[in-house]
C-alpha atoms as a PDB file:
ATOM      1  CA  MET A   1       0.243  -0.134  -0.071  1.00  0.00           C
ATOM      2  CA  ARG A   2       1.291   3.592  -1.163  1.00  0.00           C
ATOM      3  CA  ARG A   3       2.076   6.373   1.694  1.00  0.00           C
ATOM      4  CA  GLU A   4      -0.272   8.355   0.536  1.00  0.00           C
ATOM      5  CA  ASN A   5      -3.318   5.455   1.146  1.00  0.00           C
ATOM      6  CA  GLN A   6      -1.762   5.092   4.722  1.00  0.00           C
ATOM      7  CA  SER A   7      -2.214   8.694   5.754  1.00  0.00           C
ATOM      8  CA  HIS A   8      -3.315  12.184   4.994  1.00  0.00           C
ATOM      9  CA  VAL A   9      -0.331  13.990   7.157  1.00  0.00           C
ATOM     10  CA  SER A  10       2.456  14.927   4.863  1.00  0.00           C
ATOM     11  CA  GLU A  11       4.366  16.658   7.891  1.00  0.00           C
ATOM     12  CA  PHE A  12       3.732  17.696  11.364  1.00  0.00           C
ATOM     13  CA  LEU A  13       4.144  21.017  13.347  1.00  0.00           C
ATOM     14  CA  LEU A  14       6.247  21.208  16.297  1.00  0.00           C
ATOM     15  CA  LEU A  15       5.116  23.505  19.161  1.00  0.00           C
ATOM     16  CA  GLY A  16       8.721  24.087  20.296  1.00  0.00           C
ATOM     17  CA  LEU A  17       9.744  25.231  24.125  1.00  0.00           C
ATOM     18  CA  PRO A  18       7.027  27.113  26.205  1.00  0.00           C
ATOM     19  CA  ILE A  19       8.872  30.866  25.483  1.00  0.00           C
ATOM     20  CA  TRP A  20       7.945  34.011  24.677  1.00  0.00           C
ATOM     21  CA  PRO A  21       8.621  34.964  20.949  1.00  0.00           C
ATOM     22  CA  GLU A  22      10.674  37.898  22.431  1.00  0.00           C
ATOM     23  CA  GLN A  23      12.881  35.387  24.734  1.00  0.00           C
ATOM     24  CA  GLN A  24      13.401  33.355  21.029  1.00  0.00           C
ATOM     25  CA  GLY A  25      16.762  34.756  20.855  1.00  0.00           C
ATOM     26  CA  LEU A  26      18.093  34.557  24.257  1.00  0.00           C
ATOM     27  CA  PHE A  27      17.059  30.816  24.227  1.00  0.00           C
ATOM     28  CA  PHE A  28      18.306  29.880  21.310  1.00  0.00           C
ATOM     29  CA  ALA A  29      21.955  31.152  21.796  1.00  0.00           C
ATOM     30  CA  LEU A  30      21.853  29.224  25.593  1.00  0.00           C
ATOM     31  CA  PHE A  31      21.023  25.834  23.844  1.00  0.00           C
ATOM     32  CA  VAL A  32      23.451  26.616  21.120  1.00  0.00           C
ATOM     33  CA  GLY A  33      25.964  26.577  24.371  1.00  0.00           C
ATOM     34  CA  MET A  34      24.544  23.702  25.550  1.00  0.00           C
ATOM     35  CA  TYR A  35      24.805  21.759  22.508  1.00  0.00           C
ATOM     36  CA  LEU A  36      28.356  23.128  21.635  1.00  0.00           C
ATOM     37  CA  THR A  37      29.548  21.957  25.595  1.00  0.00           C
ATOM     38  CA  THR A  38      27.908  18.522  25.006  1.00  0.00           C
ATOM     39  CA  VAL A  39      29.691  17.758  21.812  1.00  0.00           C
ATOM     40  CA  LEU A  40      33.111  18.839  22.616  1.00  0.00           C
ATOM     41  CA  GLY A  41      33.191  17.929  26.293  1.00  0.00           C
ATOM     42  CA  ASN A  42      32.295  14.258  25.047  1.00  0.00           C
ATOM     43  CA  LEU A  43      33.812  14.191  22.457  1.00  0.00           C
ATOM     44  CA  LEU A  44      36.919  15.423  24.430  1.00  0.00           C
ATOM     45  CA  ILE A  45      36.105  12.510  26.815  1.00  0.00           C
ATOM     46  CA  ILE A  46      36.752  10.142  23.881  1.00  0.00           C
ATOM     47  CA  LEU A  47      39.715  11.189  22.875  1.00  0.00           C
ATOM     48  CA  LEU A  48      41.439  11.389  26.517  1.00  0.00           C
ATOM     49  CA  ILE A  49      40.184   7.881  26.638  1.00  0.00           C
ATOM     50  CA  ARG A  50      41.705   7.055  23.110  1.00  0.00           C
ATOM     51  CA  LEU A  51      45.085   8.425  23.186  1.00  0.00           C
ATOM     52  CA  ASP A  52      46.067   7.468  27.393  1.00  0.00           C
ATOM     53  CA  PRO A  53      46.699   4.097  27.839  1.00  0.00           C
ATOM     54  CA  ARG A  54      45.732   3.929  31.098  1.00  0.00           C
ATOM     55  CA  LEU A  55      42.363   4.912  30.667  1.00  0.00           C
ATOM     56  CA  HIS A  56      41.772   1.136  28.253  1.00  0.00           C
ATOM     57  CA  THR A  57      40.089  -0.584  31.006  1.00  0.00           C
ATOM     58  CA  PRO A  58      36.495  -1.484  30.817  1.00  0.00           C
ATOM     59  CA  MET A  59      35.374   0.866  32.789  1.00  0.00           C
ATOM     60  CA  TYR A  60      36.442   3.696  30.380  1.00  0.00           C
ATOM     61  CA  PHE A  61      35.618   1.471  27.426  1.00  0.00           C
ATOM     62  CA  PHE A  62      31.737   1.439  28.362  1.00  0.00           C
ATOM     63  CA  LEU A  63      31.940   5.541  29.038  1.00  0.00           C
ATOM     64  CA  SER A  64      33.886   6.000  25.809  1.00  0.00           C
ATOM     65  CA  HIS A  65      30.631   4.778  24.411  1.00  0.00           C
ATOM     66  CA  LEU A  66      28.164   6.528  26.769  1.00  0.00           C
ATOM     67  CA  ALA A  67      29.958   9.794  25.731  1.00  0.00           C
ATOM     68  CA  LEU A  68      29.324   8.890  22.095  1.00  0.00           C
ATOM     69  CA  THR A  69      25.854   8.094  22.697  1.00  0.00           C
ATOM     70  CA  ASP A  70      25.266  11.334  24.369  1.00  0.00           C
ATOM     71  CA  VAL A  71      26.359  13.147  21.818  1.00  0.00           C
ATOM     72  CA  SER A  72      24.013  11.259  19.444  1.00  0.00           C
ATOM     73  CA  PHE A  73      21.257  11.688  21.675  1.00  0.00           C
ATOM     74  CA  SER A  74      21.221  15.483  21.678  1.00  0.00           C
ATOM     75  CA  SER A  75      21.931  15.561  17.990  1.00  0.00           C
ATOM     76  CA  VAL A  76      18.648  13.278  17.202  1.00  0.00           C
ATOM     77  CA  THR A  77      16.729  16.434  18.972  1.00  0.00           C
ATOM     78  CA  VAL A  78      18.469  19.589  19.803  1.00  0.00           C
ATOM     79  CA  PRO A  79      19.745  20.495  15.992  1.00  0.00           C
ATOM     80  CA  LYS A  80      16.117  20.344  14.517  1.00  0.00           C
ATOM     81  CA  MET A  81      14.880  22.322  17.736  1.00  0.00           C
ATOM     82  CA  LEU A  82      17.222  25.364  16.970  1.00  0.00           C
ATOM     83  CA  MET A  83      16.776  25.423  13.272  1.00  0.00           C
ATOM     84  CA  ASN A  84      13.128  25.741  14.041  1.00  0.00           C
ATOM     85  CA  MET A  85      13.432  28.689  16.388  1.00  0.00           C
ATOM     86  CA  GLN A  86      15.749  30.332  14.147  1.00  0.00           C
ATOM     87  CA  THR A  87      13.550  30.057  11.199  1.00  0.00           C
ATOM     88  CA  GLN A  88      10.221  29.935  13.049  1.00  0.00           C
ATOM     89  CA  ASP A  89       9.285  26.986  10.731  1.00  0.00           C
ATOM     90  CA  GLN A  90       7.993  24.461  13.344  1.00  0.00           C
ATOM     91  CA  SER A  91       7.213  21.911  10.818  1.00  0.00           C
ATOM     92  CA  ILE A  92       8.660  18.611  10.130  1.00  0.00           C
ATOM     93  CA  PRO A  93       8.329  15.921   7.476  1.00  0.00           C
ATOM     94  CA  TYR A  94       6.082  12.352   7.978  1.00  0.00           C
ATOM     95  CA  ALA A  95       9.445  10.857   7.238  1.00  0.00           C
ATOM     96  CA  GLY A  96      11.844  12.896   9.356  1.00  0.00           C
ATOM     97  CA  CYS A  97       9.484  12.867  12.082  1.00  0.00           C
ATOM     98  CA  VAL A  98       9.415   9.182  12.127  1.00  0.00           C
ATOM     99  CA  ILE A  99      13.299   8.603  11.763  1.00  0.00           C
ATOM    100  CA  GLN A 100      13.695  10.982  14.727  1.00  0.00           C
ATOM    101  CA  THR A 101      11.510   8.855  16.648  1.00  0.00           C
ATOM    102  CA  CYS A 102      13.441   5.787  15.776  1.00  0.00           C
ATOM    103  CA  PHE A 103      16.596   7.404  16.524  1.00  0.00           C
ATOM    104  CA  PHE A 104      15.628   8.735  19.633  1.00  0.00           C
ATOM    105  CA  MET A 105      14.435   5.450  20.750  1.00  0.00           C
ATOM    106  CA  ILE A 106      17.733   3.648  20.346  1.00  0.00           C
ATOM    107  CA  PHE A 107      20.168   6.561  21.623  1.00  0.00           C
ATOM    108  CA  ALA A 108      17.799   6.290  24.721  1.00  0.00           C
ATOM    109  CA  CYS A 109      17.599   2.809  25.183  1.00  0.00           C
ATOM    110  CA  ILE A 110      21.549   2.831  24.713  1.00  0.00           C
ATOM    111  CA  ASP A 111      21.796   4.983  27.487  1.00  0.00           C
ATOM    112  CA  ASN A 112      20.007   2.567  29.675  1.00  0.00           C
ATOM    113  CA  LEU A 113      21.320  -0.316  29.169  1.00  0.00           C
ATOM    114  CA  LEU A 114      24.778   0.886  29.410  1.00  0.00           C
ATOM    115  CA  LEU A 115      24.532   2.936  32.572  1.00  0.00           C
ATOM    116  CA  ALA A 116      23.463  -0.934  34.069  1.00  0.00           C
ATOM    117  CA  VAL A 117      26.197  -2.219  32.362  1.00  0.00           C
ATOM    118  CA  MET A 118      28.631   0.331  33.886  1.00  0.00           C
ATOM    119  CA  ALA A 119      27.095  -0.156  37.310  1.00  0.00           C
ATOM    120  CA  TYR A 120      27.795  -4.404  36.861  1.00  0.00           C
ATOM    121  CA  ASP A 121      31.661  -3.207  36.236  1.00  0.00           C
ATOM    122  CA  ARG A 122      31.700  -1.582  39.132  1.00  0.00           C
ATOM    123  CA  TYR A 123      30.477  -4.589  41.167  1.00  0.00           C
ATOM    124  CA  VAL A 124      33.173  -6.449  39.859  1.00  0.00           C
ATOM    125  CA  ALA A 125      35.719  -4.300  40.304  1.00  0.00           C
ATOM    126  CA  ILE A 126      34.317  -3.685  44.063  1.00  0.00           C
ATOM    127  CA  CYS A 127      32.834  -6.769  45.493  1.00  0.00           C
ATOM    128  CA  HIS A 128      35.629  -9.532  43.191  1.00  0.00           C
ATOM    129  CA  PRO A 129      38.406  -7.458  42.479  1.00  0.00           C
ATOM    130  CA  LEU A 130      41.349 -10.632  42.249  1.00  0.00           C
ATOM    131  CA  HIS A 131      38.790 -11.605  39.759  1.00  0.00           C
ATOM    132  CA  TYR A 132      37.932  -8.081  37.714  1.00  0.00           C
ATOM    133  CA  THR A 133      40.305  -8.894  34.502  1.00  0.00           C
ATOM    134  CA  ILE A 134      39.185 -12.787  34.410  1.00  0.00           C
ATOM    135  CA  ILE A 135      35.367 -11.141  34.463  1.00  0.00           C
ATOM    136  CA  MET A 136      35.534  -8.735  32.479  1.00  0.00           C
ATOM    137  CA  ARG A 137      37.787  -9.540  29.577  1.00  0.00           C
ATOM    138  CA  GLU A 138      37.220  -7.981  26.174  1.00  0.00           C
ATOM    139  CA  GLU A 139      35.253 -10.610  24.785  1.00  0.00           C
ATOM    140  CA  LEU A 140      32.830 -10.411  27.786  1.00  0.00           C
ATOM    141  CA  CYS A 141      32.636  -6.368  27.247  1.00  0.00           C
ATOM    142  CA  LEU A 142      32.419  -6.293  23.193  1.00  0.00           C
ATOM    143  CA  CYS A 143      29.230  -8.786  23.830  1.00  0.00           C
ATOM    144  CA  LEU A 144      27.461  -6.445  26.383  1.00  0.00           C
ATOM    145  CA  LEU A 145      28.054  -3.693  24.104  1.00  0.00           C
ATOM    146  CA  ALA A 146      27.134  -5.639  21.299  1.00  0.00           C
ATOM    147  CA  GLY A 147      23.591  -6.851  22.889  1.00  0.00           C
ATOM    148  CA  SER A 148      22.516  -3.492  24.310  1.00  0.00           C
ATOM    149  CA  TRP A 149      22.975  -1.711  20.664  1.00  0.00           C
ATOM    150  CA  PHE A 150      21.045  -5.154  19.273  1.00  0.00           C
ATOM    151  CA  LEU A 151      18.548  -4.627  21.951  1.00  0.00           C
ATOM    152  CA  SER A 152      17.952  -1.096  21.461  1.00  0.00           C
ATOM    153  CA  CYS A 153      17.689  -1.192  17.899  1.00  0.00           C
ATOM    154  CA  ALA A 154      15.325  -4.143  18.163  1.00  0.00           C
ATOM    155  CA  ILE A 155      12.966  -2.442  20.414  1.00  0.00           C
ATOM    156  CA  ALA A 156      13.175   0.946  18.494  1.00  0.00           C
ATOM    157  CA  LEU A 157      12.546  -0.792  15.130  1.00  0.00           C
ATOM    158  CA  THR A 158       9.630  -2.484  16.094  1.00  0.00           C
ATOM    159  CA  HIS A 159       7.936   0.468  17.145  1.00  0.00           C
ATOM    160  CA  THR A 160       9.033   2.437  14.021  1.00  0.00           C
ATOM    161  CA  LEU A 161       6.954  -0.252  12.171  1.00  0.00           C
ATOM    162  CA  LEU A 162       4.197  -0.341  14.055  1.00  0.00           C
ATOM    163  CA  LEU A 163       4.371   3.778  13.934  1.00  0.00           C
ATOM    164  CA  ALA A 164       4.511   3.738  10.287  1.00  0.00           C
ATOM    165  CA  GLN A 165       1.257   1.179  10.036  1.00  0.00           C
ATOM    166  CA  LEU A 166      -0.959   4.091  11.532  1.00  0.00           C
ATOM    167  CA  SER A 167      -2.696   6.525   9.845  1.00  0.00           C
ATOM    168  CA  PHE A 168      -2.792  10.160  10.396  1.00  0.00           C
ATOM    169  CA  CYS A 169      -5.925  11.695   9.274  1.00  0.00           C
ATOM    170  CA  SER A 170      -6.153  15.888  10.036  1.00  0.00           C
ATOM    171  CA  LYS A 171      -4.381  16.605  13.424  1.00  0.00           C
ATOM    172  CA  ASN A 172      -0.854  16.922  13.182  1.00  0.00           C
ATOM    173  CA  ILE A 173       0.172  19.458  15.824  1.00  0.00           C
ATOM    174  CA  ILE A 174       2.625  18.152  18.305  1.00  0.00           C
ATOM    175  CA  PRO A 175       2.385  19.955  21.860  1.00  0.00           C
ATOM    176  CA  HIS A 176       6.597  18.952  22.007  1.00  0.00           C
ATOM    177  CA  PHE A 177      10.117  20.485  20.754  1.00  0.00           C
ATOM    178  CA  PHE A 178      10.719  16.815  18.997  1.00  0.00           C
ATOM    179  CA  CYS A 179       8.620  13.698  17.922  1.00  0.00           C
ATOM    180  CA  ASP A 180       7.393  12.322  20.962  1.00  0.00           C
ATOM    181  CA  TYR A 181       6.688   8.520  20.668  1.00  0.00           C
ATOM    182  CA  ALA A 182       3.741   9.185  23.149  1.00  0.00           C
ATOM    183  CA  ALA A 183       2.486  12.016  21.168  1.00  0.00           C
ATOM    184  CA  LEU A 184       2.113  10.937  17.921  1.00  0.00           C
ATOM    185  CA  LEU A 185      -0.204   8.172  19.428  1.00  0.00           C
ATOM    186  CA  LYS A 186      -2.428  10.099  20.586  1.00  0.00           C
ATOM    187  CA  LEU A 187      -2.733  12.407  16.935  1.00  0.00           C
ATOM    188  CA  SER A 188      -3.272   9.146  15.114  1.00  0.00           C
ATOM    189  CA  CYS A 189      -6.984   8.050  14.001  1.00  0.00           C
ATOM    190  CA  SER A 190      -6.280   4.681  13.673  1.00  0.00           C
ATOM    191  CA  ASP A 191      -6.158   1.615  16.647  1.00  0.00           C
ATOM    192  CA  THR A 192      -3.043   2.127  18.623  1.00  0.00           C
ATOM    193  CA  SER A 193      -3.963  -1.149  21.127  1.00  0.00           C
ATOM    194  CA  LEU A 194      -0.885  -2.723  19.857  1.00  0.00           C
ATOM    195  CA  ASN A 195       1.490  -0.047  19.695  1.00  0.00           C
ATOM    196  CA  GLU A 196       0.563   0.780  23.391  1.00  0.00           C
ATOM    197  CA  LEU A 197       0.855  -2.982  24.022  1.00  0.00           C
ATOM    198  CA  VAL A 198       4.476  -2.975  22.809  1.00  0.00           C
ATOM    199  CA  LEU A 199       5.203  -0.117  24.413  1.00  0.00           C
ATOM    200  CA  PHE A 200       3.847  -1.284  28.019  1.00  0.00           C
ATOM    201  CA  THR A 201       6.092  -4.500  27.108  1.00  0.00           C
ATOM    202  CA  THR A 202       9.302  -3.090  26.223  1.00  0.00           C
ATOM    203  CA  GLY A 203       9.386  -0.278  28.645  1.00  0.00           C
ATOM    204  CA  PRO A 204      10.528  -2.442  31.508  1.00  0.00           C
ATOM    205  CA  ALA A 205      13.271  -3.803  29.384  1.00  0.00           C
ATOM    206  CA  VAL A 206      14.764  -0.748  29.147  1.00  0.00           C
ATOM    207  CA  VAL A 207      13.832   1.200  32.032  1.00  0.00           C
ATOM    208  CA  ILE A 208      12.850  -1.123  34.816  1.00  0.00           C
ATOM    209  CA  PHE A 209      15.397  -4.062  34.471  1.00  0.00           C
ATOM    210  CA  PRO A 210      18.511  -1.822  33.970  1.00  0.00           C
ATOM    211  CA  LEU A 211      17.429   0.483  36.914  1.00  0.00           C
ATOM    212  CA  SER A 212      16.948  -2.931  39.027  1.00  0.00           C
ATOM    213  CA  GLY A 213      20.551  -4.016  37.702  1.00  0.00           C
ATOM    214  CA  ILE A 214      22.079  -0.885  38.834  1.00  0.00           C
ATOM    215  CA  LEU A 215      19.939  -0.649  42.021  1.00  0.00           C
ATOM    216  CA  PHE A 216      21.424  -4.473  42.593  1.00  0.00           C
ATOM    217  CA  SER A 217      24.443  -3.729  42.094  1.00  0.00           C
ATOM    218  CA  TYR A 218      25.371  -0.857  44.300  1.00  0.00           C
ATOM    219  CA  GLY A 219      23.390  -3.045  47.063  1.00  0.00           C
ATOM    220  CA  ARG A 220      25.997  -5.487  46.879  1.00  0.00           C
ATOM    221  CA  ILE A 221      28.283  -2.565  46.841  1.00  0.00           C
ATOM    222  CA  GLY A 222      27.126  -1.254  49.532  1.00  0.00           C
ATOM    223  CA  VAL A 223      26.938  -4.645  51.362  1.00  0.00           C
ATOM    224  CA  SER A 224      30.548  -5.550  50.786  1.00  0.00           C
ATOM    225  CA  ILE A 225      31.712  -2.264  52.073  1.00  0.00           C
ATOM    226  CA  LEU A 226      29.899  -2.433  55.307  1.00  0.00           C
ATOM    227  CA  ARG A 227      31.483  -6.095  55.675  1.00  0.00           C
ATOM    228  CA  VAL A 228      34.778  -4.243  56.005  1.00  0.00           C
ATOM    229  CA  PRO A 229      34.187  -0.737  57.032  1.00  0.00           C
ATOM    230  CA  SER A 230      37.045   1.380  56.675  1.00  0.00           C
ATOM    231  CA  THR A 231      37.706   5.229  55.449  1.00  0.00           C
ATOM    232  CA  LYS A 232      40.108   3.824  52.582  1.00  0.00           C
ATOM    233  CA  GLY A 233      37.346   1.384  51.716  1.00  0.00           C
ATOM    234  CA  ILE A 234      34.375   3.692  51.675  1.00  0.00           C
ATOM    235  CA  CYS A 235      36.863   6.669  49.721  1.00  0.00           C
ATOM    236  CA  LYS A 236      38.018   4.490  46.827  1.00  0.00           C
ATOM    237  CA  ALA A 237      34.195   2.796  46.723  1.00  0.00           C
ATOM    238  CA  LEU A 238      33.028   6.999  46.631  1.00  0.00           C
ATOM    239  CA  SER A 239      36.000   7.778  44.082  1.00  0.00           C
ATOM    240  CA  THR A 240      35.416   4.550  42.123  1.00  0.00           C
ATOM    241  CA  CYS A 241      31.290   5.077  41.823  1.00  0.00           C
ATOM    242  CA  GLY A 242      30.819   8.432  42.652  1.00  0.00           C
ATOM    243  CA  SER A 243      30.729   9.817  38.905  1.00  0.00           C
ATOM    244  CA  HIS A 244      28.445   7.030  38.017  1.00  0.00           C
ATOM    245  CA  LEU A 245      25.867   7.307  40.855  1.00  0.00           C
ATOM    246  CA  SER A 246      25.824  11.129  40.168  1.00  0.00           C
ATOM    247  CA  VAL A 247      24.784  10.221  35.895  1.00  0.00           C
ATOM    248  CA  VAL A 248      22.444   7.903  37.055  1.00  0.00           C
ATOM    249  CA  SER A 249      20.611   9.888  39.635  1.00  0.00           C
ATOM    250  CA  LEU A 250      20.302  12.533  36.916  1.00  0.00           C
ATOM    251  CA  PHE A 251      19.176  10.511  34.259  1.00  0.00           C
ATOM    252  CA  TYR A 252      16.595   8.781  35.897  1.00  0.00           C
ATOM    253  CA  GLY A 253      15.400  11.251  38.068  1.00  0.00           C
ATOM    254  CA  THR A 254      14.700  13.145  34.800  1.00  0.00           C
ATOM    255  CA  ILE A 255      13.233  10.050  33.226  1.00  0.00           C
ATOM    256  CA  ILE A 256      10.895   9.604  36.623  1.00  0.00           C
ATOM    257  CA  ALA A 257       9.924  13.239  36.173  1.00  0.00           C
ATOM    258  CA  VAL A 258       8.410  12.862  32.748  1.00  0.00           C
ATOM    259  CA  TYR A 259       6.864   9.943  33.504  1.00  0.00           C
ATOM    260  CA  PHE A 260       4.769  11.286  36.860  1.00  0.00           C
ATOM    261  CA  SER A 261       4.299  14.725  34.478  1.00  0.00           C
ATOM    262  CA  SER A 262       2.899  12.567  31.871  1.00  0.00           C
ATOM    263  CA  SER A 263       0.552  10.540  33.859  1.00  0.00           C
ATOM    264  CA  SER A 264      -0.719  13.030  36.034  1.00  0.00           C
ATOM    265  CA  GLY A 265      -2.211  14.831  33.521  1.00  0.00           C
ATOM    266  CA  GLN A 266       0.318  17.953  34.189  1.00  0.00           C
ATOM    267  CA  SER A 267       0.654  21.239  32.099  1.00  0.00           C
ATOM    268  CA  HIS A 268       2.872  19.949  28.615  1.00  0.00           C
ATOM    269  CA  ASP A 269       5.058  22.659  29.851  1.00  0.00           C
ATOM    270  CA  LYS A 270       6.556  20.380  32.482  1.00  0.00           C
ATOM    271  CA  ASP A 271       6.228  17.702  30.631  1.00  0.00           C
ATOM    272  CA  ILE A 272       8.792  19.340  28.295  1.00  0.00           C
ATOM    273  CA  ILE A 273      11.080  21.338  30.754  1.00  0.00           C
ATOM    274  CA  ALA A 274      11.885  17.701  31.984  1.00  0.00           C
ATOM    275  CA  SER A 275      12.498  16.099  28.774  1.00  0.00           C
ATOM    276  CA  VAL A 276      14.599  19.584  27.751  1.00  0.00           C
ATOM    277  CA  MET A 277      16.615  17.784  31.367  1.00  0.00           C
ATOM    278  CA  TYR A 278      17.573  14.278  29.353  1.00  0.00           C
ATOM    279  CA  THR A 279      18.037  15.301  26.495  1.00  0.00           C
ATOM    280  CA  VAL A 280      20.079  18.669  26.777  1.00  0.00           C
ATOM    281  CA  VAL A 281      21.054  19.023  30.268  1.00  0.00           C
ATOM    282  CA  THR A 282      21.968  15.440  31.344  1.00  0.00           C
ATOM    283  CA  PRO A 283      24.585  14.567  28.592  1.00  0.00           C
ATOM    284  CA  MET A 284      25.919  18.143  28.958  1.00  0.00           C
ATOM    285  CA  LEU A 285      26.759  17.532  32.327  1.00  0.00           C
ATOM    286  CA  ASN A 286      28.070  14.069  31.881  1.00  0.00           C
ATOM    287  CA  PRO A 287      31.453  15.288  30.952  1.00  0.00           C
ATOM    288  CA  PHE A 288      31.936  17.921  33.396  1.00  0.00           C
ATOM    289  CA  ILE A 289      30.637  14.744  36.147  1.00  0.00           C
ATOM    290  CA  TYR A 290      33.285  12.530  34.960  1.00  0.00           C
ATOM    291  CA  SER A 291      36.096  14.614  34.392  1.00  0.00           C
ATOM    292  CA  LEU A 292      35.810  16.802  38.094  1.00  0.00           C
ATOM    293  CA  ARG A 293      35.096  13.558  40.078  1.00  0.00           C
ATOM    294  CA  ASN A 294      37.664  11.005  38.263  1.00  0.00           C
ATOM    295  CA  ARG A 295      41.128  11.500  39.281  1.00  0.00           C
ATOM    296  CA  ASP A 296      42.587   9.262  36.607  1.00  0.00           C
ATOM    297  CA  MET A 297      40.368  11.388  33.669  1.00  0.00           C
ATOM    298  CA  THR A 298      41.604  14.766  35.536  1.00  0.00           C
ATOM    299  CA  LEU A 299      45.106  13.123  35.291  1.00  0.00           C
ATOM    300  CA  ALA A 300      44.899  12.369  31.870  1.00  0.00           C
ATOM    301  CA  LEU A 301      43.337  16.003  30.675  1.00  0.00           C
ATOM    302  CA  GLY A 302      46.290  17.704  32.349  1.00  0.00           C
ATOM    303  CA  ILE A 303      48.863  15.292  30.835  1.00  0.00           C
ATOM    304  CA  LEU A 304      46.720  16.414  27.001  1.00  0.00           C
ATOM    305  CA  PHE A 305      46.705  19.930  28.252  1.00  0.00           C
ATOM    306  CA  ARG A 306      50.502  20.301  28.893  1.00  0.00           C
ATOM    307  CA  ASN A 307      51.856  17.848  25.906  1.00  0.00           C
ATOM    308  CA  ASN A 308      49.744  20.800  23.635  1.00  0.00           C
ATOM    309  CA  ASN A 309      50.657  23.725  25.263  1.00  0.00           C
ATOM    310  CA  PRO A 310      54.252  25.042  24.944  1.00  0.00           C
ATOM    311  CA  LEU A 311      54.110  27.493  27.411  1.00  0.00           C
ATOM    312  CA  ALA A 312      53.564  24.183  29.821  1.00  0.00           C
ATOM    313  CA  LYS A 313      56.906  22.615  28.339  1.00  0.00           C
END
């Protein structure tokens, strides 16, 4: 069946951020700065991990891929939002909307799964330090990464294929700054029961299960520390897990805020603000969290700066 027979809508209108027209210039400059900070900060983390041999460990292997995912995650939504703010054209083609939704779900899923994998890595490092290199061997790391990508792509493509089967008759206004999957389901004039069933089925796979794994890992880490209570052990655990815990709290905190703001029927404005937090703010803050709270990253950054600064030699 041809696309024209499936849908009468050729484009959608993104309402964007809930800001006044006279504030567009200020917020445009703000989000450009935040996006550039996100891209440059996360690319710097990838560069440091690649150049410094001391960072060639499982923890930093996963961190480099988390940084790449954060860049991709922001790039799915922010450039389009900035273009709409600059041109005052809120439209997005039907195909572009579906593609944006697909990639948004892919990178959101990978973020969740990578955070869980990194928590497992910290659990092995602290609770089984003597067997760490045996357990977290290169083959397992690659399998965990490949599994995260495979599961994320499978879930996103499933939702995308189901979304492509829906018809959109007359309503085409999305009260968001990107093509939100839930908003698209509300706009459809087709039966969305199958889409919702798959959404509620796959949701736990990419949110509840990874979060449960993270809580379980840190629960075991906490028990391990309490068995041998010492200031040195606590400091080591905090230095090892502090950055990851901060990122997990920020990421899942904003996701929970989006869920409760949507389910409680609150205004779309609060939903959009919470979405900005996990699509724009969290990826921007991650490089600062890992750089400032991680001694190895700070040291690698200092070495890179000295090697490329003639005045420091």
